[in-house]
PDB file of N, CA and C in Angstrom:
ATOM      1  N   MET A   1      78.511 106.505  81.846  1.00  0.00           N
ATOM      2  CA  MET A   1      79.024 105.178  82.113  1.00  0.00           C
ATOM      3  C   MET A   1      80.354 104.960  81.395  1.00  0.00           C
ATOM      4  N   THR A   2      80.425 105.383  80.158  1.00  0.00           N
ATOM      5  CA  THR A   2      81.644 105.187  79.390  1.00  0.00           C
ATOM      6  C   THR A   2      82.797 105.940  80.021  1.00  0.00           C
ATOM      7  N   GLU A   3      82.520 107.134  80.503  1.00  0.00           N
ATOM      8  CA  GLU A   3      83.582 107.925  81.138  1.00  0.00           C
ATOM      9  C   GLU A   3      84.073 107.234  82.399  1.00  0.00           C
ATOM     10  N   GLN A   4      83.129 106.685  83.187  1.00  0.00           N
ATOM     11  CA  GLN A   4      83.532 105.961  84.397  1.00  0.00           C
ATOM     12  C   GLN A   4      84.369 104.745  84.030  1.00  0.00           C
ATOM     13  N   ALA A   5      83.943 104.023  83.037  1.00  0.00           N
ATOM     14  CA  ALA A   5      84.687 102.838  82.612  1.00  0.00           C
ATOM     15  C   ALA A   5      86.069 103.235  82.102  1.00  0.00           C
ATOM     16  N   ASN A   6      86.138 104.316  81.343  1.00  0.00           N
ATOM     17  CA  ASN A   6      87.437 104.791  80.851  1.00  0.00           C
ATOM     18  C   ASN A   6      88.333 105.221  82.009  1.00  0.00           C
ATOM     19  N   ASN A   7      87.758 105.938  82.971  1.00  0.00           N
ATOM     20  CA  ASN A   7      88.535 106.349  84.144  1.00  0.00           C
ATOM     21  C   ASN A   7      89.033 105.138  84.914  1.00  0.00           C
ATOM     22  N   GLN A   8      88.169 104.152  85.049  1.00  0.00           N
ATOM     23  CA  GLN A   8      88.546 102.939  85.762  1.00  0.00           C
ATOM     24  C   GLN A   8      89.655 102.207  85.015  1.00  0.00           C
ATOM     25  N   GLN A   9      89.526 102.149  83.701  1.00  0.00           N
ATOM     26  CA  GLN A   9      90.545 101.489  82.884  1.00  0.00           C
ATOM     27  C   GLN A   9      91.879 102.214  83.020  1.00  0.00           C
ATOM     28  N   GLU A  10      91.833 103.554  83.031  1.00  0.00           N
ATOM     29  CA  GLU A  10      93.063 104.341  83.182  1.00  0.00           C
ATOM     30  C   GLU A  10      93.704 104.079  84.539  1.00  0.00           C
ATOM     31  N   LYS A  11      92.891 104.029  85.584  1.00  0.00           N
ATOM     32  CA  LYS A  11      93.422 103.763  86.923  1.00  0.00           C
ATOM     33  C   LYS A  11      94.070 102.390  86.978  1.00  0.00           C
ATOM     34  N   THR A  12      93.403 101.408  86.396  1.00  0.00           N
ATOM     35  CA  THR A  12      93.946 100.048  86.394  1.00  0.00           C
ATOM     36  C   THR A  12      95.246  99.997  85.600  1.00  0.00           C
ATOM     37  N   THR A  13      95.275 100.675  84.469  1.00  0.00           N
ATOM     38  CA  THR A  13      96.497 100.713  83.658  1.00  0.00           C
ATOM     39  C   THR A  13      97.628 101.372  84.431  1.00  0.00           C
ATOM     40  N   GLU A  14      97.318 102.476  85.129  1.00  0.00           N
ATOM     41  CA  GLU A  14      98.339 103.147  85.933  1.00  0.00           C
ATOM     42  C   GLU A  14      98.849 102.226  87.036  1.00  0.00           C
ATOM     43  N   GLN A  15      97.933 101.494  87.669  1.00  0.00           N
ATOM     44  CA  GLN A  15      98.339 100.560  88.725  1.00  0.00           C
ATOM     45  C   GLN A  15      99.259  99.485  88.156  1.00  0.00           C
ATOM     46  N   LYS A  16      98.915  98.968  86.986  1.00  0.00           N
ATOM     47  CA  LYS A  16      99.736  97.938  86.364  1.00  0.00           C
ATOM     48  C   LYS A  16     101.116  98.479  86.027  1.00  0.00           C
ATOM     49  N   LEU A  17     101.168  99.705  85.481  1.00  0.00           N
ATOM     50  CA  LEU A  17     102.453 100.299  85.127  1.00  0.00           C
ATOM     51  C   LEU A  17     103.298 100.562  86.372  1.00  0.00           C
ATOM     52  N   ASP A  18     102.651 101.100  87.425  1.00  0.00           N
ATOM     53  CA  ASP A  18     103.377 101.339  88.674  1.00  0.00           C
ATOM     54  C   ASP A  18     103.900 100.027  89.233  1.00  0.00           C
ATOM     55  N   PHE A  19     103.074  99.009  89.190  1.00  0.00           N
ATOM     56  CA  PHE A  19     103.464  97.698  89.703  1.00  0.00           C
ATOM     57  C   PHE A  19     104.614  97.125  88.887  1.00  0.00           C
ATOM     58  N   ALA A  20     104.535  97.265  87.575  1.00  0.00           N
ATOM     59  CA  ALA A  20     105.599  96.767  86.695  1.00  0.00           C
ATOM     60  C   ALA A  20     106.910  97.492  86.982  1.00  0.00           C
ATOM     61  N   GLN A  21     106.831  98.791  87.234  1.00  0.00           N
ATOM     62  CA  GLN A  21     108.036  99.550  87.552  1.00  0.00           C
ATOM     63  C   GLN A  21     108.641  99.086  88.871  1.00  0.00           C
ATOM     64  N   VAL A  22     107.801  98.820  89.858  1.00  0.00           N
ATOM     65  CA  VAL A  22     108.290  98.338  91.152  1.00  0.00           C
ATOM     66  C   VAL A  22     108.966  96.986  90.979  1.00  0.00           C
ATOM     67  N   VAL A  23     108.350  96.102  90.213  1.00  0.00           N
ATOM     68  CA  VAL A  23     108.922  94.773  89.977  1.00  0.00           C
ATOM     69  C   VAL A  23     110.250  94.898  89.242  1.00  0.00           C
ATOM     70  N   GLN A  24     110.287  95.737  88.207  1.00  0.00           N
ATOM     71  CA  GLN A  24     111.518  95.925  87.444  1.00  0.00           C
ATOM     72  C   GLN A  24     112.625  96.470  88.335  1.00  0.00           C
ATOM     73  N   LYS A  25     112.283  97.395  89.212  1.00  0.00           N
ATOM     74  CA  LYS A  25     113.265  97.965  90.139  1.00  0.00           C
ATOM     75  C   LYS A  25     113.795  96.890  91.086  1.00  0.00           C
ATOM     76  N   GLN A  26     112.889  96.037  91.595  1.00  0.00           N
ATOM     77  CA  GLN A  26     113.311  94.961  92.495  1.00  0.00           C
ATOM     78  C   GLN A  26     114.243  93.979  91.782  1.00  0.00           C
ATOM     79  N   ILE A  27     113.924  93.655  90.550  1.00  0.00           N
ATOM     80  CA  ILE A  27     114.769  92.728  89.780  1.00  0.00           C
ATOM     81  C   ILE A  27     116.141  93.353  89.540  1.00  0.00           C
ATOM     82  N   THR A  28     116.163  94.634  89.202  1.00  0.00           N
ATOM     83  CA  THR A  28     117.429  95.333  88.983  1.00  0.00           C
ATOM     84  C   THR A  28     118.259  95.343  90.259  1.00  0.00           C
ATOM     85  N   GLU A  29     117.602  95.590  91.385  1.00  0.00           N
ATOM     86  CA  GLU A  29     118.312  95.593  92.664  1.00  0.00           C
ATOM     87  C   GLU A  29     118.861  94.201  92.989  1.00  0.00           C
ATOM     88  N   LEU A  30     118.072  93.162  92.702  1.00  0.00           N
ATOM     89  CA  LEU A  30     118.550  91.793  92.944  1.00  0.00           C
ATOM     90  C   LEU A  30     119.780  91.481  92.081  1.00  0.00           C
ATOM     91  N   LYS A  31     119.739  91.904  90.818  1.00  0.00           N
ATOM     92  CA  LYS A  31     120.885  91.667  89.928  1.00  0.00           C
ATOM     93  C   LYS A  31     122.124  92.386  90.455  1.00  0.00           C
ATOM     94  N   ALA A  32     121.952  93.646  90.828  1.00  0.00           N
ATOM     95  CA  ALA A  32     123.084  94.426  91.327  1.00  0.00           C
ATOM     96  C   ALA A  32     123.639  93.812  92.609  1.00  0.00           C
ATOM     97  N   GLU A  33     122.747  93.378  93.477  1.00  0.00           N
ATOM     98  CA  GLU A  33     123.174  92.747  94.733  1.00  0.00           C
ATOM     99  C   GLU A  33     123.940  91.452  94.451  1.00  0.00           C
ATOM    100  N   PHE A  34     123.460  90.681  93.481  1.00  0.00           N
ATOM    101  CA  PHE A  34     124.130  89.437  93.122  1.00  0.00           C
ATOM    102  C   PHE A  34     125.540  89.707  92.590  1.00  0.00           C
ATOM    103  N   VAL A  35     125.644  90.676  91.691  1.00  0.00           N
ATOM    104  CA  VAL A  35     126.953  91.006  91.127  1.00  0.00           C
ATOM    105  C   VAL A  35     127.898  91.487  92.229  1.00  0.00           C
ATOM    106  N   GLN A  36     127.370  92.279  93.118  1.00  0.00           N
ATOM    107  CA  GLN A  36     128.185  92.779  94.229  1.00  0.00           C
ATOM    108  C   GLN A  36     128.658  91.622  95.110  1.00  0.00           C
ATOM    109  N   ARG A  37     127.777  90.690  95.394  1.00  0.00           N
ATOM    110  CA  ARG A  37     128.145  89.524  96.210  1.00  0.00           C
ATOM    111  C   ARG A  37     129.211  88.676  95.523  1.00  0.00           C
ATOM    112  N   VAL A  38     129.047  88.465  94.230  1.00  0.00           N
ATOM    113  CA  VAL A  38     130.022  87.671  93.485  1.00  0.00           C
ATOM    114  C   VAL A  38     131.387  88.357  93.507  1.00  0.00           C
ATOM    115  N   GLU A  39     131.393  89.661  93.271  1.00  0.00           N
ATOM    116  CA  GLU A  39     132.661  90.405  93.282  1.00  0.00           C
ATOM    117  C   GLU A  39     133.308  90.339  94.669  1.00  0.00           C
ATOM    118  N   SER A  40     132.508  90.439  95.701  1.00  0.00           N
ATOM    119  CA  SER A  40     133.025  90.351  97.062  1.00  0.00           C
ATOM    120  C   SER A  40     133.608  88.971  97.334  1.00  0.00           C
ATOM    121  N   LEU A  41     132.913  87.952  96.881  1.00  0.00           N
ATOM    122  CA  LEU A  41     133.401  86.587  97.080  1.00  0.00           C
ATOM    123  C   LEU A  41     134.682  86.332  96.282  1.00  0.00           C
ATOM    124  N   LYS A  42     134.736  86.841  95.064  1.00  0.00           N
ATOM    125  CA  LYS A  42     135.938  86.665  94.248  1.00  0.00           C
ATOM    126  C   LYS A  42     137.148  87.324  94.914  1.00  0.00           C
ATOM    127  N   ALA A  43     136.906  88.464  95.540  1.00  0.00           N
ATOM    128  CA  ALA A  43     138.005  89.181  96.198  1.00  0.00           C
ATOM    129  C   ALA A  43     138.511  88.410  97.420  1.00  0.00           C
ATOM    130  N   GLN A  44     137.650  87.614  98.027  1.00  0.00           N
ATOM    131  CA  GLN A  44     138.024  86.866  99.234  1.00  0.00           C
ATOM    132  C   GLN A  44     138.841  85.614  98.919  1.00  0.00           C
ATOM    133  N   PHE A  45     138.758  85.113  97.697  1.00  0.00           N
ATOM    134  CA  PHE A  45     139.380  83.838  97.383  1.00  0.00           C
ATOM    135  C   PHE A  45     140.477  83.982  96.336  1.00  0.00           C
ATOM    136  N   PRO A  46     141.691  83.492  96.650  1.00  0.00           N
ATOM    137  CA  PRO A  46     142.710  83.396  95.602  1.00  0.00           C
ATOM    138  C   PRO A  46     142.311  82.267  94.628  1.00  0.00           C
ATOM    139  N   LEU A  47     143.063  82.061  93.609  1.00  0.00           N
ATOM    140  CA  LEU A  47     142.648  81.140  92.564  1.00  0.00           C
ATOM    141  C   LEU A  47     143.212  79.723  92.700  1.00  0.00           C
ATOM    142  N   SER A  48     143.478  79.244  93.901  1.00  0.00           N
ATOM    143  CA  SER A  48     143.912  77.852  94.068  1.00  0.00           C
ATOM    144  C   SER A  48     142.710  76.928  93.921  1.00  0.00           C
ATOM    145  N   GLN A  49     142.977  75.641  93.668  1.00  0.00           N
ATOM    146  CA  GLN A  49     141.893  74.665  93.464  1.00  0.00           C
ATOM    147  C   GLN A  49     141.002  74.589  94.710  1.00  0.00           C
ATOM    148  N   GLU A  50     141.610  74.545  95.861  1.00  0.00           N
ATOM    149  CA  GLU A  50     140.854  74.457  97.113  1.00  0.00           C
ATOM    150  C   GLU A  50     139.971  75.697  97.298  1.00  0.00           C
ATOM    151  N   ASP A  51     140.527  76.852  96.963  1.00  0.00           N
ATOM    152  CA  ASP A  51     139.755  78.087  97.094  1.00  0.00           C
ATOM    153  C   ASP A  51     138.626  78.149  96.073  1.00  0.00           C
ATOM    154  N   LEU A  52     138.859  77.625  94.894  1.00  0.00           N
ATOM    155  CA  LEU A  52     137.792  77.599  93.890  1.00  0.00           C
ATOM    156  C   LEU A  52     136.628  76.712  94.326  1.00  0.00           C
ATOM    157  N   VAL A  53     136.944  75.599  94.988  1.00  0.00           N
ATOM    158  CA  VAL A  53     135.885  74.734  95.520  1.00  0.00           C
ATOM    159  C   VAL A  53     135.101  75.496  96.591  1.00  0.00           C
ATOM    160  N   GLY A  54     135.824  76.216  97.429  1.00  0.00           N
ATOM    161  CA  GLY A  54     135.163  77.037  98.458  1.00  0.00           C
ATOM    162  C   GLY A  54     134.295  78.120  97.832  1.00  0.00           C
ATOM    163  N   LEU A  55     134.803  78.726  96.778  1.00  0.00           N
ATOM    164  CA  LEU A  55     134.031  79.738  96.063  1.00  0.00           C
ATOM    165  C   LEU A  55     132.766  79.129  95.471  1.00  0.00           C
ATOM    166  N   LYS A  56     132.913  77.946  94.904  1.00  0.00           N
ATOM    167  CA  LYS A  56     131.751  77.257  94.329  1.00  0.00           C
ATOM    168  C   LYS A  56     130.698  77.016  95.404  1.00  0.00           C
ATOM    169  N   ASP A  57     131.131  76.574  96.575  1.00  0.00           N
ATOM    170  CA  ASP A  57     130.180  76.323  97.666  1.00  0.00           C
ATOM    171  C   ASP A  57     129.489  77.616  98.117  1.00  0.00           C
ATOM    172  N   LYS A  58     130.280  78.680  98.208  1.00  0.00           N
ATOM    173  CA  LYS A  58     129.707  79.977  98.615  1.00  0.00           C
ATOM    174  C   LYS A  58     128.719  80.481  97.563  1.00  0.00           C
ATOM    175  N   LEU A  59     129.126  80.342  96.297  1.00  0.00           N
ATOM    176  CA  LEU A  59     128.234  80.777  95.223  1.00  0.00           C
ATOM    177  C   LEU A  59     126.943  79.967  95.208  1.00  0.00           C
ATOM    178  N   THR A  60     127.065  78.683  95.442  1.00  0.00           N
ATOM    179  CA  THR A  60     125.870  77.834  95.499  1.00  0.00           C
ATOM    180  C   THR A  60     124.940  78.305  96.602  1.00  0.00           C
ATOM    181  N   ALA A  61     125.512  78.599  97.765  1.00  0.00           N
ATOM    182  CA  ALA A  61     124.699  79.087  98.890  1.00  0.00           C
ATOM    183  C   ALA A  61     124.053  80.434  98.552  1.00  0.00           C
ATOM    184  N   GLU A  62     124.818  81.321  97.934  1.00  0.00           N
ATOM    185  CA  GLU A  62     124.294  82.637  97.568  1.00  0.00           C
ATOM    186  C   GLU A  62     123.185  82.515  96.520  1.00  0.00           C
ATOM    187  N   LEU A  63     123.417  81.662  95.524  1.00  0.00           N
ATOM    188  CA  LEU A  63     122.393  81.475  94.484  1.00  0.00           C
ATOM    189  C   LEU A  63     121.125  80.870  95.059  1.00  0.00           C
ATOM    190  N   THR A  64     121.274  79.975  95.999  1.00  0.00           N
ATOM    191  CA  THR A  64     120.105  79.390  96.655  1.00  0.00           C
ATOM    192  C   THR A  64     119.323  80.474  97.397  1.00  0.00           C
ATOM    193  N   ALA A  65     120.045  81.337  98.100  1.00  0.00           N
ATOM    194  CA  ALA A  65     119.385  82.436  98.819  1.00  0.00           C
ATOM    195  C   ALA A  65     118.674  83.376  97.845  1.00  0.00           C
ATOM    196  N   ILE A  66     119.337  83.673  96.735  1.00  0.00           N
ATOM    197  CA  ILE A  66     118.730  84.550  95.729  1.00  0.00           C
ATOM    198  C   ILE A  66     117.504  83.890  95.116  1.00  0.00           C
ATOM    199  N   LEU A  67     117.588  82.602  94.839  1.00  0.00           N
ATOM    200  CA  LEU A  67     116.447  81.879  94.291  1.00  0.00           C
ATOM    201  C   LEU A  67     115.266  81.930  95.256  1.00  0.00           C
ATOM    202  N   GLU A  68     115.532  81.775  96.523  1.00  0.00           N
ATOM    203  CA  GLU A  68     114.468  81.873  97.525  1.00  0.00           C
ATOM    204  C   GLU A  68     113.853  83.272  97.526  1.00  0.00           C
ATOM    205  N   ASP A  69     114.716  84.306  97.420  1.00  0.00           N
ATOM    206  CA  ASP A  69     114.217  85.680  97.368  1.00  0.00           C
ATOM    207  C   ASP A  69     113.345  85.909  96.136  1.00  0.00           C
ATOM    208  N   VAL A  70     113.801  85.410  94.990  1.00  0.00           N
ATOM    209  CA  VAL A  70     113.036  85.575  93.749  1.00  0.00           C
ATOM    210  C   VAL A  70     111.709  84.824  93.842  1.00  0.00           C
ATOM    211  N   THR A  71     111.724  83.641  94.427  1.00  0.00           N
ATOM    212  CA  THR A  71     110.490  82.877  94.605  1.00  0.00           C
ATOM    213  C   THR A  71     109.515  83.643  95.489  1.00  0.00           C
ATOM    214  N   LYS A  72     110.036  84.218  96.547  1.00  0.00           N
ATOM    215  CA  LYS A  72     109.192  85.009  97.460  1.00  0.00           C
ATOM    216  C   LYS A  72     108.600  86.211  96.740  1.00  0.00           C
ATOM    217  N   VAL A  73     109.439  86.935  95.995  1.00  0.00           N
ATOM    218  CA  VAL A  73     108.960  88.098  95.245  1.00  0.00           C
ATOM    219  C   VAL A  73     107.926  87.667  94.204  1.00  0.00           C
ATOM    220  N   SER A  74     108.175  86.544  93.564  1.00  0.00           N
ATOM    221  CA  SER A  74     107.243  86.030  92.567  1.00  0.00           C
ATOM    222  C   SER A  74     105.873  85.742  93.186  1.00  0.00           C
ATOM    223  N   LYS A  75     105.880  85.130  94.350  1.00  0.00           N
ATOM    224  CA  LYS A  75     104.614  84.847  95.039  1.00  0.00           C
ATOM    225  C   LYS A  75     103.914  86.139  95.423  1.00  0.00           C
ATOM    226  N   GLU A  76     104.683  87.131  95.874  1.00  0.00           N
ATOM    227  CA  GLU A  76     104.092  88.422  96.228  1.00  0.00           C
ATOM    228  C   GLU A  76     103.508  89.099  95.000  1.00  0.00           C
ATOM    229  N   ILE A  77     104.215  89.004  93.885  1.00  0.00           N
ATOM    230  CA  ILE A  77     103.727  89.589  92.631  1.00  0.00           C
ATOM    231  C   ILE A  77     102.418  88.914  92.216  1.00  0.00           C
ATOM    232  N   LYS A  78     102.389  87.601  92.294  1.00  0.00           N
ATOM    233  CA  LYS A  78     101.182  86.863  91.918  1.00  0.00           C
ATOM    234  C   LYS A  78     100.021  87.283  92.799  1.00  0.00           C
ATOM    235  N   GLN A  79     100.268  87.421  94.102  1.00  0.00           N
ATOM    236  CA  GLN A  79      99.221  87.838  95.041  1.00  0.00           C
ATOM    237  C   GLN A  79      98.747  89.255  94.703  1.00  0.00           C
ATOM    238  N   ASP A  80      99.704  90.153  94.423  1.00  0.00           N
ATOM    239  CA  ASP A  80      99.344  91.531  94.089  1.00  0.00           C
ATOM    240  C   ASP A  80      98.519  91.597  92.810  1.00  0.00           C
ATOM    241  N   ILE A  81      98.909  90.819  91.819  1.00  0.00           N
ATOM    242  CA  ILE A  81      98.160  90.800  90.558  1.00  0.00           C
ATOM    243  C   ILE A  81      96.745  90.274  90.794  1.00  0.00           C
ATOM    244  N   THR A  82      96.626  89.247  91.612  1.00  0.00           N
ATOM    245  CA  THR A  82      95.307  88.705  91.935  1.00  0.00           C
ATOM    246  C   THR A  82      94.452  89.761  92.620  1.00  0.00           C
ATOM    247  N   GLU A  83      95.050  90.479  93.577  1.00  0.00           N
ATOM    248  CA  GLU A  83      94.307  91.515  94.292  1.00  0.00           C
ATOM    249  C   GLU A  83      93.873  92.635  93.350  1.00  0.00           C
ATOM    250  N   ILE A  84      94.773  93.035  92.451  1.00  0.00           N
ATOM    251  CA  ILE A  84      94.427  94.082  91.486  1.00  0.00           C
ATOM    252  C   ILE A  84      93.305  93.599  90.573  1.00  0.00           C
ATOM    253  N   SER A  85      93.378  92.345  90.133  1.00  0.00           N
ATOM    254  CA  SER A  85      92.339  91.797  89.249  1.00  0.00           C
ATOM    255  C   SER A  85      90.990  91.746  89.951  1.00  0.00           C
ATOM    256  N   VAL A  86      90.982  91.313  91.197  1.00  0.00           N
ATOM    257  CA  VAL A  86      89.730  91.242  91.955  1.00  0.00           C
ATOM    258  C   VAL A  86      89.168  92.645  92.155  1.00  0.00           C
ATOM    259  N   LYS A  87      90.041  93.583  92.515  1.00  0.00           N
ATOM    260  CA  LYS A  87      89.606  94.968  92.723  1.00  0.00           C
ATOM    261  C   LYS A  87      89.030  95.529  91.428  1.00  0.00           C
ATOM    262  N   HIS A  88      89.722  95.288  90.319  1.00  0.00           N
ATOM    263  CA  HIS A  88      89.252  95.781  89.027  1.00  0.00           C
ATOM    264  C   HIS A  88      87.899  95.156  88.673  1.00  0.00           C
ATOM    265  N   LYS A  89      87.760  93.863  88.903  1.00  0.00           N
ATOM    266  CA  LYS A  89      86.498  93.174  88.612  1.00  0.00           C
ATOM    267  C   LYS A  89      85.378  93.759  89.453  1.00  0.00           C
ATOM    268  N   ASP A  90      85.643  93.978  90.742  1.00  0.00           N
ATOM    269  CA  ASP A  90      84.629  94.549  91.633  1.00  0.00           C
ATOM    270  C   ASP A  90      84.226  95.953  91.184  1.00  0.00           C
ATOM    271  N   GLN A  91      85.204  96.751  90.789  1.00  0.00           N
ATOM    272  CA  GLN A  91      84.900  98.109  90.350  1.00  0.00           C
ATOM    273  C   GLN A  91      84.116  98.106  89.044  1.00  0.00           C
ATOM    274  N   LEU A  92      84.464  97.212  88.127  1.00  0.00           N
ATOM    275  CA  LEU A  92      83.707  97.111  86.874  1.00  0.00           C
ATOM    276  C   LEU A  92      82.277  96.651  87.133  1.00  0.00           C
ATOM    277  N   THR A  93      82.121  95.691  88.034  1.00  0.00           N
ATOM    278  CA  THR A  93      80.788  95.212  88.380  1.00  0.00           C
ATOM    279  C   THR A  93      79.954  96.341  88.967  1.00  0.00           C
ATOM    280  N   GLU A  94      80.569  97.109  89.849  1.00  0.00           N
ATOM    281  CA  GLU A  94      79.869  98.240  90.456  1.00  0.00           C
ATOM    282  C   GLU A  94      79.486  99.277  89.398  1.00  0.00           C
ATOM    283  N   THR A  95      80.395  99.567  88.490  1.00  0.00           N
ATOM    284  CA  THR A  95      80.122 100.538  87.425  1.00  0.00           C
ATOM    285  C   THR A  95      78.990 100.047  86.525  1.00  0.00           C
ATOM    286  N   LEU A  96      79.050  98.776  86.141  1.00  0.00           N
ATOM    287  CA  LEU A  96      78.000  98.225  85.273  1.00  0.00           C
ATOM    288  C   LEU A  96      76.648  98.188  85.984  1.00  0.00           C
ATOM    289  N   THR A  97      76.651  97.847  87.263  1.00  0.00           N
ATOM    290  CA  THR A  97      75.407  97.834  88.036  1.00  0.00           C
ATOM    291  C   THR A  97      74.816  99.234  88.107  1.00  0.00           C
ATOM    292  N   HIS A  98      75.658 100.209  88.385  1.00  0.00           N
ATOM    293  CA  HIS A  98      75.203 101.594  88.446  1.00  0.00           C
ATOM    294  C   HIS A  98      74.657 102.043  87.091  1.00  0.00           C
ATOM    295  N   ALA A  99      75.361 101.686  86.021  1.00  0.00           N
ATOM    296  CA  ALA A  99      74.916 102.054  84.675  1.00  0.00           C
ATOM    297  C   ALA A  99      73.569 101.409  84.361  1.00  0.00           C
ATOM    298  N   LYS A 100      73.410 100.156  84.739  1.00  0.00           N
ATOM    299  CA  LYS A 100      72.149  99.444  84.495  1.00  0.00           C
ATOM    300  C   LYS A 100      71.014 100.136  85.243  1.00  0.00           C
ATOM    301  N   GLU A 101      71.259 100.463  86.504  1.00  0.00           N
ATOM    302  CA  GLU A 101      70.231 101.140  87.301  1.00  0.00           C
ATOM    303  C   GLU A 101      69.867 102.486  86.695  1.00  0.00           C
ATOM    304  N   THR A 102      70.852 103.204  86.206  1.00  0.00           N
ATOM    305  CA  THR A 102      70.609 104.505  85.588  1.00  0.00           C
ATOM    306  C   THR A 102      69.769 104.355  84.324  1.00  0.00           C
ATOM    307  N   VAL A 103      70.096 103.364  83.503  1.00  0.00           N
ATOM    308  CA  VAL A 103      69.334 103.122  82.272  1.00  0.00           C
ATOM    309  C   VAL A 103      67.900 102.715  82.603  1.00  0.00           C
ATOM    310  N   VAL A 104      67.746 101.825  83.579  1.00  0.00           N
ATOM    311  CA  VAL A 104      66.402 101.379  83.965  1.00  0.00           C
ATOM    312  C   VAL A 104      65.589 102.568  84.481  1.00  0.00           C
ATOM    313  N   ASP A 105      66.182 103.406  85.318  1.00  0.00           N
ATOM    314  CA  ASP A 105      65.484 104.590  85.828  1.00  0.00           C
ATOM    315  C   ASP A 105      65.111 105.530  84.689  1.00  0.00           C
ATOM    316  N   ALA A 106      66.009 105.705  83.718  1.00  0.00           N
ATOM    317  CA  ALA A 106      65.725 106.577  82.577  1.00  0.00           C
ATOM    318  C   ALA A 106      64.569 106.027  81.745  1.00  0.00           C
ATOM    319  N   VAL A 107      64.564 104.720  81.508  1.00  0.00           N
ATOM    320  CA  VAL A 107      63.480 104.093  80.737  1.00  0.00           C
ATOM    321  C   VAL A 107      62.160 104.234  81.485  1.00  0.00           C
ATOM    322  N   LYS A 108      62.181 104.023  82.779  1.00  0.00           N
ATOM    323  CA  LYS A 108      60.953 104.172  83.588  1.00  0.00           C
ATOM    324  C   LYS A 108      60.433 105.606  83.520  1.00  0.00           C
ATOM    325  N   SER A 109      61.346 106.570  83.644  1.00  0.00           N
ATOM    326  CA  SER A 109      60.901 107.968  83.607  1.00  0.00           C
ATOM    327  C   SER A 109      60.350 108.327  82.232  1.00  0.00           C
ATOM    328  N   ILE A 110      60.927 107.762  81.172  1.00  0.00           N
ATOM    329  CA  ILE A 110      60.409 108.002  79.826  1.00  0.00           C
ATOM    330  C   ILE A 110      59.029 107.379  79.690  1.00  0.00           C
ATOM    331  N   ASN A 111      58.855 106.165  80.180  1.00  0.00           N
ATOM    332  CA  ASN A 111      57.563 105.479  80.097  1.00  0.00           C
ATOM    333  C   ASN A 111      56.515 106.210  80.917  1.00  0.00           C
ATOM    334  N   LEU A 112      56.860 106.756  82.057  1.00  0.00           N
ATOM    335  CA  LEU A 112      55.909 107.471  82.902  1.00  0.00           C
ATOM    336  C   LEU A 112      55.555 108.834  82.320  1.00  0.00           C
ATOM    337  N   SER A 113      56.470 109.446  81.603  1.00  0.00           N
ATOM    338  CA  SER A 113      56.223 110.785  81.060  1.00  0.00           C
ATOM    339  C   SER A 113      55.450 110.746  79.741  1.00  0.00           C
ATOM    340  N   GLN A 114      55.374 109.603  79.093  1.00  0.00           N
ATOM    341  CA  GLN A 114      54.637 109.510  77.833  1.00  0.00           C
ATOM    342  C   GLN A 114      53.149 109.365  78.126  1.00  0.00           C
ATOM    343  N   PRO A 115      52.317 110.095  77.370  1.00  0.00           N
ATOM    344  CA  PRO A 115      50.859 109.957  77.566  1.00  0.00           C
ATOM    345  C   PRO A 115      50.389 108.567  77.134  1.00  0.00           C
ATOM    346  N   LYS A 116      49.435 108.076  77.878  1.00  0.00           N
ATOM    347  CA  LYS A 116      48.906 106.752  77.553  1.00  0.00           C
ATOM    348  C   LYS A 116      47.592 106.928  76.796  1.00  0.00           C
ATOM    349  N   ASP A 117      47.339 106.004  75.893  1.00  0.00           N
ATOM    350  CA  ASP A 117      46.083 106.029  75.147  1.00  0.00           C
ATOM    351  C   ASP A 117      44.948 105.642  76.073  1.00  0.00           C
ATOM    352  N   VAL A 118      44.009 106.534  76.213  1.00  0.00           N
ATOM    353  CA  VAL A 118      42.870 106.259  77.076  1.00  0.00           C
ATOM    354  C   VAL A 118      41.838 105.422  76.323  1.00  0.00           C
ATOM    355  N   GLU A 119      41.754 105.644  75.040  1.00  0.00           N
ATOM    356  CA  GLU A 119      40.793 104.895  74.241  1.00  0.00           C
ATOM    357  C   GLU A 119      41.378 103.558  73.864  1.00  0.00           C
ATOM    358  N   LYS A 120      40.565 102.566  73.949  1.00  0.00           N
ATOM    359  CA  LYS A 120      40.978 101.252  73.498  1.00  0.00           C
ATOM    360  C   LYS A 120      40.335 100.988  72.153  1.00  0.00           C
ATOM    361  N   LYS A 121      41.078 100.453  71.278  1.00  0.00           N
ATOM    362  CA  LYS A 121      40.574 100.135  69.949  1.00  0.00           C
ATOM    363  C   LYS A 121      39.967  98.754  69.965  1.00  0.00           C
ATOM    364  N   ASP A 122      38.853  98.594  69.339  1.00  0.00           N
ATOM    365  CA  ASP A 122      38.207  97.289  69.212  1.00  0.00           C
ATOM    366  C   ASP A 122      38.809  96.584  68.023  1.00  0.00           C
ATOM    367  N   ALA A 123      39.289  95.405  68.247  1.00  0.00           N
ATOM    368  CA  ALA A 123      39.882  94.693  67.140  1.00  0.00           C
ATOM    369  C   ALA A 123      39.124  93.469  66.823  1.00  0.00           C
TER     370      ALA A 123
END
């Protein structure tokens, strides 16, 4: 039972690490994309007051889009974490149930294999 639980814990830890790496990669990609967009927008606009207002509007639109993307990713992450937690809980429940059944069967076999006292003592 302990080995199964340890294996299950290792699998869950690996899933969490893999998931964390995927999330970190997505965040890094979002940052790089944002910087690239800003640089592209800066290149499109000279530094006049009117152009700066236009840049501000474009940046606001871009930041809004990025915020929506981050919100979406956040919701997906929350859903994935919930699914992993439920899966882990189900697997632990199954492991514990199996362990309980094994212990009960072992106790029964021990009780059946022990000789019973045929004589009753008068008390």
